[in-house]
């Protein structure tokens, strides 16, 4: 993987939107600090680029946020950290980016997820590429009405998705070469391991799947 160094220019005033704002903030760069300053009610679009991350991007206890990666790539330098974490948040949309980790050395490999979601609701992940040495593409726990739509989820070292209740919709994604399977699923049950390993479109309580491609 080639190293790309970008000049980081932070624009703090772009984060000062109220929850009623309909404007879109155009950001020239992103890192842990600037990402954490995105306020509830913000619409954010990144300048297209490759962003090397020292620590994970976090959304904690926020709502009504849309982040458009505009074709950008996030590369996490720490193999033990998630690329993006969403905690206790609702009405969050992440779209149009690639997220991965640096290539691991040695037998252990990566232990961080690409996207981790906990105790959220109404979250959409759309048109993203979630791949590489990430241990899981999307890990979601106690998250209601999660939608994972039109993504390319591939080459994760364990699973494409882990989901443990209570309701998820997985549509139009392409799954490829996820080492231990594409979806590890439980309905509203946090006991480990999840109950079902699923590798084809399946519909049951808490799970709707359609139009996914499996390679």
N, C-alpha and C. Protein backbone atom coordinates (compact mmCIF):
# COMPACT_ATOMS: atom_id res chain seq x y z
N UNK A 1 0.84 -1.20 0.00
CA UNK A 1 0.00 0.00 0.00
C UNK A 1 0.88 1.25 0.00
N UNK A 2 0.64 2.16 -0.91
CA UNK A 2 1.45 3.36 -1.01
C UNK A 2 1.07 4.35 0.07
N UNK A 3 2.09 5.02 0.61
CA UNK A 3 1.82 6.06 1.60
C UNK A 3 1.49 7.36 0.89
N UNK A 4 0.44 7.99 1.31
CA UNK A 4 0.03 9.27 0.75
C UNK A 4 -0.04 10.26 1.89
N UNK A 5 0.67 11.37 1.78
CA UNK A 5 0.69 12.38 2.82
C UNK A 5 -0.12 13.58 2.36
N UNK A 6 -1.12 13.95 3.15
CA UNK A 6 -1.96 15.08 2.81
C UNK A 6 -1.78 16.17 3.85
N UNK A 7 -1.78 17.39 3.39
CA UNK A 7 -1.77 18.52 4.32
C UNK A 7 -3.12 18.58 5.01
N UNK A 8 -3.10 18.71 6.34
CA UNK A 8 -4.33 18.76 7.12
C UNK A 8 -4.67 20.20 7.43
N UNK A 9 -5.83 20.61 6.98
CA UNK A 9 -6.29 21.96 7.23
C UNK A 9 -7.62 21.85 7.95
N UNK A 10 -7.65 22.23 9.21
CA UNK A 10 -8.88 22.13 9.99
C UNK A 10 -9.64 23.44 9.91
N UNK A 11 -10.95 23.33 9.78
CA UNK A 11 -11.79 24.52 9.68
C UNK A 11 -12.85 24.41 10.76
N UNK A 12 -12.54 24.80 12.00
CA UNK A 12 -13.46 24.57 13.11
C UNK A 12 -14.83 25.19 12.92
N UNK A 13 -14.91 26.33 12.23
CA UNK A 13 -16.20 27.01 12.11
C UNK A 13 -17.22 26.18 11.35
N UNK A 14 -16.76 25.22 10.56
CA UNK A 14 -17.69 24.42 9.79
C UNK A 14 -18.50 23.47 10.67
N UNK A 15 -18.10 23.27 11.92
CA UNK A 15 -18.82 22.36 12.78
C UNK A 15 -19.89 23.06 13.60
N UNK A 16 -20.06 24.36 13.45
CA UNK A 16 -20.96 25.12 14.30
C UNK A 16 -22.35 25.23 13.69
N UNK A 17 -22.96 24.09 13.40
CA UNK A 17 -24.31 24.06 12.86
C UNK A 17 -25.28 23.67 13.96
N UNK A 18 -26.44 24.26 13.93
CA UNK A 18 -27.49 23.84 14.85
C UNK A 18 -28.16 22.60 14.29
N UNK A 19 -29.01 21.96 15.10
CA UNK A 19 -29.73 20.78 14.66
C UNK A 19 -30.70 21.08 13.53
N UNK A 20 -31.05 22.34 13.34
CA UNK A 20 -32.01 22.71 12.30
C UNK A 20 -31.33 23.09 10.99
N UNK A 21 -30.00 23.03 10.95
CA UNK A 21 -29.30 23.48 9.75
C UNK A 21 -29.47 22.50 8.61
N UNK A 22 -29.68 23.01 7.40
CA UNK A 22 -29.78 22.16 6.22
C UNK A 22 -28.57 22.36 5.31
N UNK A 23 -27.59 23.15 5.74
CA UNK A 23 -26.40 23.41 4.94
C UNK A 23 -25.47 22.21 4.94
N UNK A 24 -24.62 22.16 3.93
CA UNK A 24 -23.59 21.12 3.86
C UNK A 24 -22.24 21.74 4.11
N UNK A 25 -21.52 21.20 5.09
CA UNK A 25 -20.16 21.66 5.38
C UNK A 25 -19.19 20.93 4.46
N UNK A 26 -18.35 21.67 3.77
CA UNK A 26 -17.33 21.09 2.90
C UNK A 26 -16.01 21.09 3.65
N UNK A 27 -15.49 19.88 3.94
CA UNK A 27 -14.28 19.74 4.75
C UNK A 27 -13.09 19.35 3.89
N UNK A 28 -11.98 20.03 4.11
CA UNK A 28 -10.78 19.74 3.33
C UNK A 28 -9.97 18.61 3.91
N UNK A 29 -10.27 18.20 5.15
CA UNK A 29 -9.54 17.11 5.77
C UNK A 29 -10.33 16.57 6.95
N UNK A 30 -9.92 15.42 7.46
CA UNK A 30 -10.61 14.82 8.61
C UNK A 30 -9.60 14.02 9.42
N UNK A 31 -9.75 14.06 10.75
CA UNK A 31 -9.01 13.19 11.66
C UNK A 31 -9.87 12.98 12.89
N UNK A 32 -9.34 12.32 13.91
CA UNK A 32 -10.12 12.01 15.10
C UNK A 32 -10.70 13.26 15.74
N UNK A 33 -9.89 14.29 15.89
CA UNK A 33 -10.33 15.51 16.58
C UNK A 33 -11.42 16.24 15.80
N UNK A 34 -11.20 16.46 14.52
CA UNK A 34 -12.19 17.20 13.73
C UNK A 34 -13.48 16.40 13.57
N UNK A 35 -13.37 15.07 13.45
CA UNK A 35 -14.55 14.23 13.30
C UNK A 35 -15.42 14.29 14.55
N UNK A 36 -14.79 14.30 15.73
CA UNK A 36 -15.54 14.32 16.98
C UNK A 36 -16.26 15.65 17.20
N UNK A 37 -15.87 16.70 16.48
CA UNK A 37 -16.50 18.01 16.62
C UNK A 37 -17.73 18.19 15.72
N UNK A 38 -18.01 17.22 14.88
CA UNK A 38 -19.19 17.31 14.04
C UNK A 38 -20.43 17.26 14.93
N UNK A 39 -21.26 18.29 14.86
CA UNK A 39 -22.40 18.40 15.76
C UNK A 39 -23.64 17.71 15.21
N UNK A 40 -24.57 17.40 16.10
CA UNK A 40 -25.86 16.88 15.68
C UNK A 40 -26.51 17.86 14.70
N UNK A 41 -27.15 17.31 13.67
CA UNK A 41 -27.80 18.14 12.66
C UNK A 41 -26.93 18.53 11.50
N UNK A 42 -25.68 18.05 11.46
CA UNK A 42 -24.75 18.47 10.41
C UNK A 42 -24.81 17.58 9.18
N UNK A 43 -24.65 18.19 8.01
CA UNK A 43 -24.40 17.49 6.76
C UNK A 43 -22.98 17.81 6.32
N UNK A 44 -22.15 16.78 6.19
CA UNK A 44 -20.73 16.97 5.95
C UNK A 44 -20.32 16.26 4.67
N UNK A 45 -19.57 16.96 3.82
CA UNK A 45 -19.00 16.36 2.62
C UNK A 45 -17.50 16.62 2.62
N UNK A 46 -16.72 15.54 2.43
CA UNK A 46 -15.27 15.64 2.47
C UNK A 46 -14.68 15.96 1.11
N UNK A 47 -13.56 16.66 1.13
CA UNK A 47 -12.75 16.75 -0.07
C UNK A 47 -12.20 15.37 -0.37
N UNK A 48 -12.33 14.90 -1.60
CA UNK A 48 -11.88 13.57 -1.95
C UNK A 48 -10.38 13.45 -1.75
N UNK A 49 -9.96 12.40 -1.03
CA UNK A 49 -8.55 12.19 -0.77
C UNK A 49 -8.32 10.90 -0.02
N UNK A 50 -7.07 10.64 0.33
CA UNK A 50 -6.69 9.49 1.15
C UNK A 50 -6.27 10.01 2.51
N UNK A 51 -6.91 9.52 3.57
CA UNK A 51 -6.68 10.03 4.92
C UNK A 51 -6.12 8.90 5.79
N UNK A 52 -4.89 9.09 6.27
CA UNK A 52 -4.24 8.13 7.14
C UNK A 52 -4.57 8.50 8.59
N UNK A 53 -5.19 7.58 9.32
CA UNK A 53 -5.73 7.86 10.64
C UNK A 53 -4.85 7.29 11.74
N UNK A 54 -4.55 8.12 12.73
CA UNK A 54 -3.79 7.67 13.90
C UNK A 54 -4.71 7.01 14.93
N UNK A 55 -5.97 7.43 15.00
CA UNK A 55 -6.95 6.85 15.91
C UNK A 55 -8.32 6.91 15.26
N UNK A 56 -9.25 6.15 15.79
CA UNK A 56 -10.51 5.94 15.09
C UNK A 56 -11.37 7.21 15.05
N UNK A 57 -12.24 7.26 14.06
CA UNK A 57 -13.22 8.33 13.92
C UNK A 57 -14.45 7.96 14.73
N UNK A 58 -14.93 8.87 15.59
CA UNK A 58 -16.00 8.53 16.53
C UNK A 58 -17.20 9.47 16.41
N UNK A 59 -18.39 8.88 16.47
CA UNK A 59 -19.64 9.62 16.64
C UNK A 59 -20.28 9.08 17.91
N UNK A 60 -20.35 9.90 18.95
CA UNK A 60 -20.86 9.47 20.25
C UNK A 60 -22.03 10.35 20.69
N UNK A 61 -23.17 9.72 20.99
CA UNK A 61 -24.34 10.40 21.56
C UNK A 61 -24.77 11.60 20.72
N UNK A 62 -24.91 11.38 19.40
CA UNK A 62 -25.33 12.43 18.49
C UNK A 62 -26.46 11.93 17.60
N UNK A 63 -27.06 12.87 16.82
CA UNK A 63 -28.18 12.49 15.98
C UNK A 63 -28.24 13.39 14.75
N UNK A 64 -28.92 12.86 13.72
CA UNK A 64 -29.19 13.63 12.50
C UNK A 64 -27.90 14.14 11.85
N UNK A 65 -26.99 13.23 11.55
CA UNK A 65 -25.73 13.56 10.90
C UNK A 65 -25.61 12.76 9.60
N UNK A 66 -25.24 13.43 8.52
CA UNK A 66 -24.90 12.77 7.26
C UNK A 66 -23.45 13.10 6.91
N UNK A 67 -22.65 12.05 6.64
CA UNK A 67 -21.26 12.24 6.26
C UNK A 67 -21.05 11.58 4.90
N UNK A 68 -20.75 12.40 3.90
CA UNK A 68 -20.51 11.95 2.53
C UNK A 68 -19.00 11.97 2.30
N UNK A 69 -18.41 10.78 2.17
CA UNK A 69 -16.96 10.69 1.97
C UNK A 69 -16.50 11.16 0.61
N UNK A 70 -17.43 11.30 -0.36
CA UNK A 70 -17.10 11.84 -1.68
C UNK A 70 -15.98 11.03 -2.35
N UNK A 71 -15.99 9.71 -2.16
CA UNK A 71 -14.99 8.86 -2.79
C UNK A 71 -13.67 8.79 -2.07
N UNK A 72 -13.59 9.29 -0.85
CA UNK A 72 -12.35 9.28 -0.09
C UNK A 72 -12.03 7.88 0.45
N UNK A 73 -10.77 7.72 0.89
CA UNK A 73 -10.30 6.49 1.51
C UNK A 73 -9.76 6.79 2.89
N UNK A 74 -10.24 6.03 3.89
CA UNK A 74 -9.73 6.12 5.26
C UNK A 74 -8.86 4.90 5.52
N UNK A 75 -7.62 5.12 5.96
CA UNK A 75 -6.70 4.02 6.26
C UNK A 75 -6.27 4.13 7.73
N UNK A 76 -6.69 3.17 8.54
CA UNK A 76 -6.34 3.16 9.96
C UNK A 76 -4.94 2.57 10.14
N UNK A 77 -4.07 3.32 10.80
CA UNK A 77 -2.70 2.86 11.01
C UNK A 77 -2.59 1.83 12.13
N UNK A 78 -3.50 1.90 13.12
CA UNK A 78 -3.49 0.96 14.24
C UNK A 78 -4.28 -0.29 13.87
N UNK A 79 -3.65 -1.44 13.94
CA UNK A 79 -4.34 -2.69 13.61
C UNK A 79 -5.34 -3.10 14.67
N UNK A 80 -5.24 -2.54 15.87
CA UNK A 80 -6.14 -2.92 16.96
C UNK A 80 -7.33 -1.98 17.11
N UNK A 81 -7.40 -0.93 16.30
CA UNK A 81 -8.46 0.07 16.44
C UNK A 81 -9.47 -0.08 15.30
N UNK A 82 -10.73 0.27 15.59
CA UNK A 82 -11.73 0.36 14.54
C UNK A 82 -11.46 1.59 13.68
N UNK A 83 -11.91 1.56 12.44
CA UNK A 83 -11.77 2.75 11.61
C UNK A 83 -12.81 3.80 12.01
N UNK A 84 -14.07 3.39 12.15
CA UNK A 84 -15.15 4.29 12.55
C UNK A 84 -15.97 3.63 13.65
N UNK A 85 -16.31 4.41 14.67
CA UNK A 85 -17.14 3.92 15.77
C UNK A 85 -18.34 4.83 15.95
N UNK A 86 -19.54 4.24 16.05
CA UNK A 86 -20.78 4.98 16.30
C UNK A 86 -21.39 4.43 17.59
N UNK A 87 -21.55 5.28 18.60
CA UNK A 87 -22.05 4.84 19.90
C UNK A 87 -23.24 5.69 20.32
N UNK A 88 -24.31 5.04 20.77
CA UNK A 88 -25.47 5.73 21.35
C UNK A 88 -25.96 6.88 20.47
N UNK A 89 -26.06 6.66 19.18
CA UNK A 89 -26.43 7.73 18.24
C UNK A 89 -27.58 7.26 17.36
N UNK A 90 -28.30 8.24 16.76
CA UNK A 90 -29.43 7.88 15.91
C UNK A 90 -29.51 8.81 14.71
N UNK A 91 -30.15 8.31 13.66
CA UNK A 91 -30.31 9.05 12.40
C UNK A 91 -28.95 9.48 11.84
N UNK A 92 -28.08 8.50 11.64
CA UNK A 92 -26.73 8.72 11.14
C UNK A 92 -26.60 8.06 9.76
N UNK A 93 -26.07 8.80 8.78
CA UNK A 93 -25.79 8.25 7.45
C UNK A 93 -24.31 8.38 7.14
N UNK A 94 -23.69 7.27 6.76
CA UNK A 94 -22.31 7.26 6.27
C UNK A 94 -22.33 6.73 4.85
N UNK A 95 -21.70 7.46 3.91
CA UNK A 95 -21.78 7.01 2.53
C UNK A 95 -20.56 7.45 1.71
N UNK A 96 -20.32 6.71 0.65
CA UNK A 96 -19.37 7.09 -0.41
C UNK A 96 -17.93 7.18 0.06
N UNK A 97 -17.42 6.14 0.72
CA UNK A 97 -16.00 6.12 1.06
C UNK A 97 -15.51 4.67 1.14
N UNK A 98 -14.19 4.55 1.12
CA UNK A 98 -13.52 3.27 1.38
C UNK A 98 -12.89 3.35 2.76
N UNK A 99 -13.01 2.29 3.55
CA UNK A 99 -12.40 2.25 4.88
C UNK A 99 -11.67 0.93 5.05
N UNK A 100 -10.43 1.01 5.55
CA UNK A 100 -9.60 -0.18 5.70
C UNK A 100 -8.52 0.09 6.74
N UNK A 101 -7.64 -0.90 6.96
CA UNK A 101 -6.47 -0.77 7.82
C UNK A 101 -5.22 -0.90 6.97
N UNK A 102 -4.07 -0.52 7.56
CA UNK A 102 -2.81 -0.80 6.89
C UNK A 102 -2.64 -2.31 6.78
N UNK A 103 -1.79 -2.75 5.87
CA UNK A 103 -1.53 -4.17 5.72
C UNK A 103 -0.77 -4.68 6.95
N UNK A 104 -1.25 -5.77 7.58
CA UNK A 104 -0.59 -6.27 8.79
C UNK A 104 0.68 -7.04 8.49
N UNK A 105 1.60 -7.03 9.44
CA UNK A 105 2.79 -7.86 9.39
C UNK A 105 2.66 -8.95 10.45
N UNK A 106 3.20 -10.12 10.18
CA UNK A 106 3.19 -11.18 11.17
C UNK A 106 1.90 -11.97 11.17
N UNK A 107 1.81 -13.00 12.04
CA UNK A 107 0.69 -13.94 12.02
C UNK A 107 -0.59 -13.43 12.65
N UNK A 108 -0.52 -12.40 13.52
CA UNK A 108 -1.71 -11.97 14.25
C UNK A 108 -2.67 -11.20 13.36
N UNK A 109 -2.14 -10.30 12.57
CA UNK A 109 -2.99 -9.51 11.68
C UNK A 109 -3.76 -8.44 12.42
N UNK A 110 -4.92 -8.07 11.85
CA UNK A 110 -5.72 -6.97 12.38
C UNK A 110 -6.73 -7.48 13.40
N UNK A 111 -6.96 -6.69 14.46
CA UNK A 111 -7.99 -7.03 15.45
C UNK A 111 -9.05 -5.94 15.57
N UNK A 112 -8.99 -4.91 14.74
CA UNK A 112 -9.99 -3.84 14.75
C UNK A 112 -11.03 -4.04 13.67
N UNK A 113 -12.26 -3.61 13.95
CA UNK A 113 -13.31 -3.64 12.94
C UNK A 113 -13.14 -2.47 11.97
N UNK A 114 -13.82 -2.56 10.84
CA UNK A 114 -13.88 -1.40 9.96
C UNK A 114 -14.89 -0.40 10.54
N UNK A 115 -16.16 -0.81 10.72
CA UNK A 115 -17.16 0.05 11.36
C UNK A 115 -17.76 -0.70 12.55
N UNK A 116 -17.78 -0.07 13.71
CA UNK A 116 -18.37 -0.61 14.93
C UNK A 116 -19.55 0.26 15.34
N UNK A 117 -20.72 -0.35 15.58
CA UNK A 117 -21.92 0.39 15.98
C UNK A 117 -22.48 -0.25 17.24
N UNK A 118 -22.81 0.58 18.22
CA UNK A 118 -23.36 0.07 19.47
C UNK A 118 -24.50 0.96 19.95
N UNK A 119 -25.65 0.34 20.27
CA UNK A 119 -26.78 1.02 20.89
C UNK A 119 -27.24 2.24 20.10
N UNK A 120 -27.44 2.04 18.80
CA UNK A 120 -27.91 3.13 17.94
C UNK A 120 -29.25 2.81 17.34
N UNK A 121 -29.76 3.73 16.53
CA UNK A 121 -31.00 3.50 15.79
C UNK A 121 -31.01 4.35 14.53
N UNK A 122 -31.68 3.82 13.50
CA UNK A 122 -31.83 4.53 12.22
C UNK A 122 -30.49 4.95 11.65
N UNK A 123 -29.62 3.97 11.44
CA UNK A 123 -28.29 4.21 10.90
C UNK A 123 -28.20 3.57 9.52
N UNK A 124 -27.67 4.33 8.56
CA UNK A 124 -27.52 3.88 7.17
C UNK A 124 -26.05 3.90 6.78
N UNK A 125 -25.57 2.79 6.25
CA UNK A 125 -24.23 2.71 5.64
C UNK A 125 -24.45 2.38 4.18
N UNK A 126 -24.04 3.29 3.29
CA UNK A 126 -24.43 3.19 1.88
C UNK A 126 -23.27 3.51 0.94
N UNK A 127 -23.11 2.68 -0.08
CA UNK A 127 -22.17 2.91 -1.17
C UNK A 127 -20.74 3.09 -0.65
N UNK A 128 -20.36 2.21 0.26
CA UNK A 128 -18.99 2.22 0.81
C UNK A 128 -18.27 0.93 0.43
N UNK A 129 -16.95 0.97 0.48
CA UNK A 129 -16.12 -0.21 0.34
C UNK A 129 -15.45 -0.46 1.69
N UNK A 130 -15.76 -1.61 2.28
CA UNK A 130 -15.28 -1.95 3.61
C UNK A 130 -14.45 -3.21 3.47
N UNK A 131 -13.14 -3.07 3.63
CA UNK A 131 -12.32 -4.17 3.17
C UNK A 131 -10.96 -4.24 3.84
N UNK A 132 -10.19 -5.20 3.35
CA UNK A 132 -8.78 -5.29 3.71
C UNK A 132 -8.58 -6.12 4.95
N UNK A 133 -7.75 -5.64 5.87
CA UNK A 133 -7.41 -6.42 7.05
C UNK A 133 -8.38 -6.16 8.20
N UNK A 134 -9.46 -5.44 7.95
CA UNK A 134 -10.47 -5.26 9.00
C UNK A 134 -11.00 -6.62 9.43
N UNK A 135 -11.08 -6.86 10.75
CA UNK A 135 -11.51 -8.17 11.22
C UNK A 135 -12.96 -8.43 10.84
N UNK A 136 -13.81 -7.37 10.87
CA UNK A 136 -15.21 -7.45 10.42
C UNK A 136 -15.54 -6.14 9.70
N UNK A 137 -16.28 -6.22 8.61
CA UNK A 137 -16.65 -5.01 7.88
C UNK A 137 -17.56 -4.11 8.69
N UNK A 138 -18.69 -4.66 9.22
CA UNK A 138 -19.61 -3.92 10.08
C UNK A 138 -19.95 -4.81 11.27
N UNK A 139 -19.62 -4.35 12.49
CA UNK A 139 -20.04 -5.03 13.72
C UNK A 139 -21.07 -4.15 14.40
N UNK A 140 -22.29 -4.67 14.65
CA UNK A 140 -23.36 -3.85 15.21
C UNK A 140 -24.06 -4.61 16.33
N UNK A 141 -24.24 -3.93 17.46
CA UNK A 141 -24.83 -4.54 18.65
C UNK A 141 -25.89 -3.61 19.22
N UNK A 142 -27.06 -4.18 19.56
CA UNK A 142 -28.16 -3.42 20.15
C UNK A 142 -28.49 -2.18 19.32
N UNK A 143 -28.55 -2.37 18.02
CA UNK A 143 -28.79 -1.27 17.09
C UNK A 143 -30.05 -1.55 16.29
N UNK A 144 -31.01 -0.65 16.39
CA UNK A 144 -32.33 -0.84 15.77
C UNK A 144 -32.41 -0.10 14.43
N UNK A 145 -33.02 -0.77 13.46
CA UNK A 145 -33.24 -0.19 12.13
C UNK A 145 -31.92 0.24 11.49
N UNK A 146 -30.98 -0.67 11.49
CA UNK A 146 -29.72 -0.49 10.76
C UNK A 146 -29.95 -0.90 9.31
N UNK A 147 -29.48 -0.06 8.38
CA UNK A 147 -29.56 -0.38 6.96
C UNK A 147 -28.16 -0.38 6.35
N UNK A 148 -27.82 -1.47 5.70
CA UNK A 148 -26.52 -1.63 5.04
C UNK A 148 -26.82 -1.86 3.58
N UNK A 149 -26.54 -0.85 2.75
CA UNK A 149 -27.10 -0.82 1.40
C UNK A 149 -26.03 -0.49 0.35
N UNK A 150 -25.94 -1.32 -0.69
CA UNK A 150 -25.14 -1.03 -1.89
C UNK A 150 -23.65 -0.84 -1.56
N UNK A 151 -23.12 -1.66 -0.66
CA UNK A 151 -21.71 -1.60 -0.31
C UNK A 151 -20.94 -2.78 -0.91
N UNK A 152 -19.63 -2.64 -0.98
CA UNK A 152 -18.73 -3.73 -1.37
C UNK A 152 -17.97 -4.14 -0.11
N UNK A 153 -18.28 -5.32 0.42
CA UNK A 153 -17.74 -5.77 1.69
C UNK A 153 -16.90 -7.01 1.42
N UNK A 154 -15.59 -6.86 1.52
CA UNK A 154 -14.74 -7.95 1.01
C UNK A 154 -13.40 -8.02 1.74
N UNK A 155 -12.84 -9.23 1.72
CA UNK A 155 -11.50 -9.52 2.23
C UNK A 155 -11.34 -9.16 3.71
N UNK A 156 -12.42 -9.21 4.47
CA UNK A 156 -12.29 -9.04 5.91
C UNK A 156 -11.81 -10.36 6.53
N UNK A 157 -10.97 -10.26 7.56
CA UNK A 157 -10.26 -11.44 8.03
C UNK A 157 -11.14 -12.40 8.84
N UNK A 158 -12.35 -11.94 9.25
CA UNK A 158 -13.31 -12.88 9.85
C UNK A 158 -14.64 -12.84 9.10
N UNK A 159 -15.47 -11.82 9.32
CA UNK A 159 -16.82 -11.80 8.74
C UNK A 159 -17.09 -10.48 8.02
N UNK A 160 -17.99 -10.54 7.06
CA UNK A 160 -18.43 -9.31 6.43
C UNK A 160 -19.21 -8.44 7.40
N UNK A 161 -20.20 -9.05 8.09
CA UNK A 161 -21.05 -8.34 9.05
C UNK A 161 -21.28 -9.23 10.27
N UNK A 162 -21.21 -8.65 11.47
CA UNK A 162 -21.75 -9.27 12.67
C UNK A 162 -22.88 -8.38 13.16
N UNK A 163 -24.06 -8.98 13.38
CA UNK A 163 -25.21 -8.18 13.83
C UNK A 163 -25.95 -8.94 14.93
N UNK A 164 -26.16 -8.24 16.07
CA UNK A 164 -26.91 -8.83 17.18
C UNK A 164 -28.00 -7.86 17.64
N UNK A 165 -29.09 -7.83 16.93
CA UNK A 165 -30.38 -7.25 17.21
C UNK A 165 -30.49 -5.76 17.46
N UNK A 166 -31.75 -5.27 17.30
CA UNK A 166 -32.95 -6.06 17.02
C UNK A 166 -33.46 -6.03 15.58
N UNK A 167 -32.96 -5.14 14.68
CA UNK A 167 -33.52 -5.12 13.33
C UNK A 167 -32.53 -4.53 12.34
N UNK A 168 -32.29 -5.29 11.27
CA UNK A 168 -31.34 -4.86 10.24
C UNK A 168 -31.89 -5.21 8.86
N UNK A 169 -31.60 -4.33 7.89
CA UNK A 169 -31.94 -4.56 6.49
C UNK A 169 -30.65 -4.49 5.69
N UNK A 170 -30.36 -5.55 4.93
CA UNK A 170 -29.11 -5.67 4.18
C UNK A 170 -29.48 -5.89 2.72
N UNK A 171 -29.25 -4.87 1.88
CA UNK A 171 -29.74 -4.92 0.51
C UNK A 171 -28.70 -4.42 -0.48
N UNK A 172 -28.60 -5.10 -1.61
CA UNK A 172 -27.81 -4.61 -2.73
C UNK A 172 -26.32 -4.59 -2.53
N UNK A 173 -25.81 -5.32 -1.53
CA UNK A 173 -24.37 -5.34 -1.27
C UNK A 173 -23.69 -6.45 -2.06
N UNK A 174 -22.40 -6.30 -2.26
CA UNK A 174 -21.58 -7.37 -2.82
C UNK A 174 -20.64 -7.88 -1.74
N UNK A 175 -20.70 -9.17 -1.44
CA UNK A 175 -19.83 -9.82 -0.47
C UNK A 175 -18.82 -10.69 -1.21
N UNK A 176 -17.55 -10.57 -0.83
CA UNK A 176 -16.52 -11.37 -1.51
C UNK A 176 -15.35 -11.64 -0.57
N UNK A 177 -14.97 -12.91 -0.47
CA UNK A 177 -13.75 -13.33 0.22
C UNK A 177 -13.67 -12.84 1.67
N UNK A 178 -14.79 -12.89 2.40
CA UNK A 178 -14.74 -12.67 3.84
C UNK A 178 -14.45 -14.02 4.49
N UNK A 179 -13.36 -14.10 5.23
CA UNK A 179 -12.73 -15.39 5.53
C UNK A 179 -13.64 -16.41 6.18
N UNK A 180 -14.46 -16.01 7.17
CA UNK A 180 -15.27 -16.98 7.91
C UNK A 180 -16.76 -16.89 7.60
N UNK A 181 -17.14 -16.06 6.64
CA UNK A 181 -18.55 -15.96 6.27
C UNK A 181 -18.98 -14.52 6.11
N UNK A 182 -20.18 -14.34 5.56
CA UNK A 182 -20.64 -13.00 5.21
C UNK A 182 -21.45 -12.33 6.31
N UNK A 183 -22.31 -13.08 7.02
CA UNK A 183 -23.14 -12.50 8.08
C UNK A 183 -23.22 -13.46 9.24
N UNK A 184 -22.85 -12.99 10.43
CA UNK A 184 -23.01 -13.74 11.68
C UNK A 184 -24.10 -13.01 12.45
N UNK A 185 -25.28 -13.66 12.64
CA UNK A 185 -26.50 -12.96 13.02
C UNK A 185 -27.16 -13.57 14.26
N UNK A 186 -27.67 -12.68 15.13
CA UNK A 186 -28.62 -13.06 16.18
C UNK A 186 -29.73 -12.04 16.23
N UNK A 187 -30.95 -12.49 16.52
CA UNK A 187 -32.07 -11.58 16.71
C UNK A 187 -32.13 -11.17 18.18
N UNK A 188 -31.78 -9.90 18.45
CA UNK A 188 -31.96 -9.32 19.78
C UNK A 188 -31.38 -10.21 20.89
N UNK A 189 -30.22 -10.77 20.63
CA UNK A 189 -29.58 -11.68 21.57
C UNK A 189 -28.09 -11.37 21.58
N UNK A 190 -27.56 -10.97 22.74
CA UNK A 190 -26.16 -10.58 22.84
C UNK A 190 -25.26 -11.70 23.32
N UNK A 191 -25.80 -12.89 23.51
CA UNK A 191 -24.94 -14.01 23.88
C UNK A 191 -23.97 -14.32 22.75
N UNK A 192 -22.75 -14.67 23.11
CA UNK A 192 -21.75 -14.96 22.09
C UNK A 192 -21.48 -16.47 22.05
N UNK A 193 -21.36 -17.04 20.87
CA UNK A 193 -21.38 -16.39 19.55
C UNK A 193 -22.81 -16.17 19.05
N UNK A 194 -22.99 -15.38 17.98
CA UNK A 194 -24.32 -15.23 17.38
C UNK A 194 -24.88 -16.58 16.95
N UNK A 195 -26.17 -16.63 16.69
CA UNK A 195 -26.85 -17.91 16.47
C UNK A 195 -26.68 -18.47 15.07
N UNK A 196 -26.61 -17.61 14.05
CA UNK A 196 -26.66 -18.09 12.67
C UNK A 196 -25.53 -17.52 11.83
N UNK A 197 -24.91 -18.37 11.05
CA UNK A 197 -23.95 -17.94 10.03
C UNK A 197 -24.67 -18.00 8.69
N UNK A 198 -24.80 -16.85 8.03
CA UNK A 198 -25.66 -16.71 6.84
C UNK A 198 -24.82 -16.28 5.65
N UNK A 199 -24.96 -17.02 4.54
CA UNK A 199 -24.19 -16.73 3.34
C UNK A 199 -25.06 -16.61 2.10
N UNK A 200 -26.35 -16.37 2.29
CA UNK A 200 -27.27 -16.11 1.18
C UNK A 200 -28.42 -15.27 1.70
N UNK A 201 -29.16 -14.63 0.81
CA UNK A 201 -30.26 -13.76 1.24
C UNK A 201 -31.27 -14.55 2.07
N UNK A 202 -31.56 -14.03 3.25
CA UNK A 202 -32.42 -14.71 4.21
C UNK A 202 -33.32 -13.68 4.86
N UNK A 203 -34.57 -14.04 5.12
CA UNK A 203 -35.50 -13.16 5.82
C UNK A 203 -36.07 -13.91 7.02
N UNK A 204 -35.93 -13.30 8.18
CA UNK A 204 -36.46 -13.87 9.41
C UNK A 204 -36.68 -12.74 10.39
N UNK A 205 -37.13 -13.04 11.59
CA UNK A 205 -37.40 -11.99 12.56
C UNK A 205 -36.14 -11.17 12.81
N UNK A 206 -36.25 -9.86 12.59
CA UNK A 206 -35.13 -8.96 12.81
C UNK A 206 -34.18 -8.83 11.64
N UNK A 207 -34.40 -9.58 10.56
CA UNK A 207 -33.47 -9.59 9.43
C UNK A 207 -34.22 -9.57 8.11
N UNK A 208 -33.88 -8.58 7.25
CA UNK A 208 -34.38 -8.53 5.89
C UNK A 208 -33.18 -8.42 4.95
N UNK A 209 -33.09 -9.33 4.00
CA UNK A 209 -31.99 -9.33 3.03
C UNK A 209 -32.56 -9.47 1.64
N UNK A 210 -32.03 -8.68 0.68
CA UNK A 210 -32.47 -8.81 -0.70
C UNK A 210 -31.43 -8.22 -1.64
N UNK A 211 -31.32 -8.79 -2.81
CA UNK A 211 -30.51 -8.23 -3.88
C UNK A 211 -29.02 -8.22 -3.62
N UNK A 212 -28.53 -9.01 -2.66
CA UNK A 212 -27.10 -9.07 -2.40
C UNK A 212 -26.42 -10.05 -3.34
N UNK A 213 -25.16 -9.81 -3.61
CA UNK A 213 -24.36 -10.65 -4.50
C UNK A 213 -23.27 -11.31 -3.67
N UNK A 214 -23.06 -12.60 -3.87
CA UNK A 214 -22.07 -13.36 -3.11
C UNK A 214 -21.08 -13.99 -4.09
N UNK A 215 -19.81 -13.65 -3.91
CA UNK A 215 -18.80 -14.17 -4.84
C UNK A 215 -17.85 -15.11 -4.13
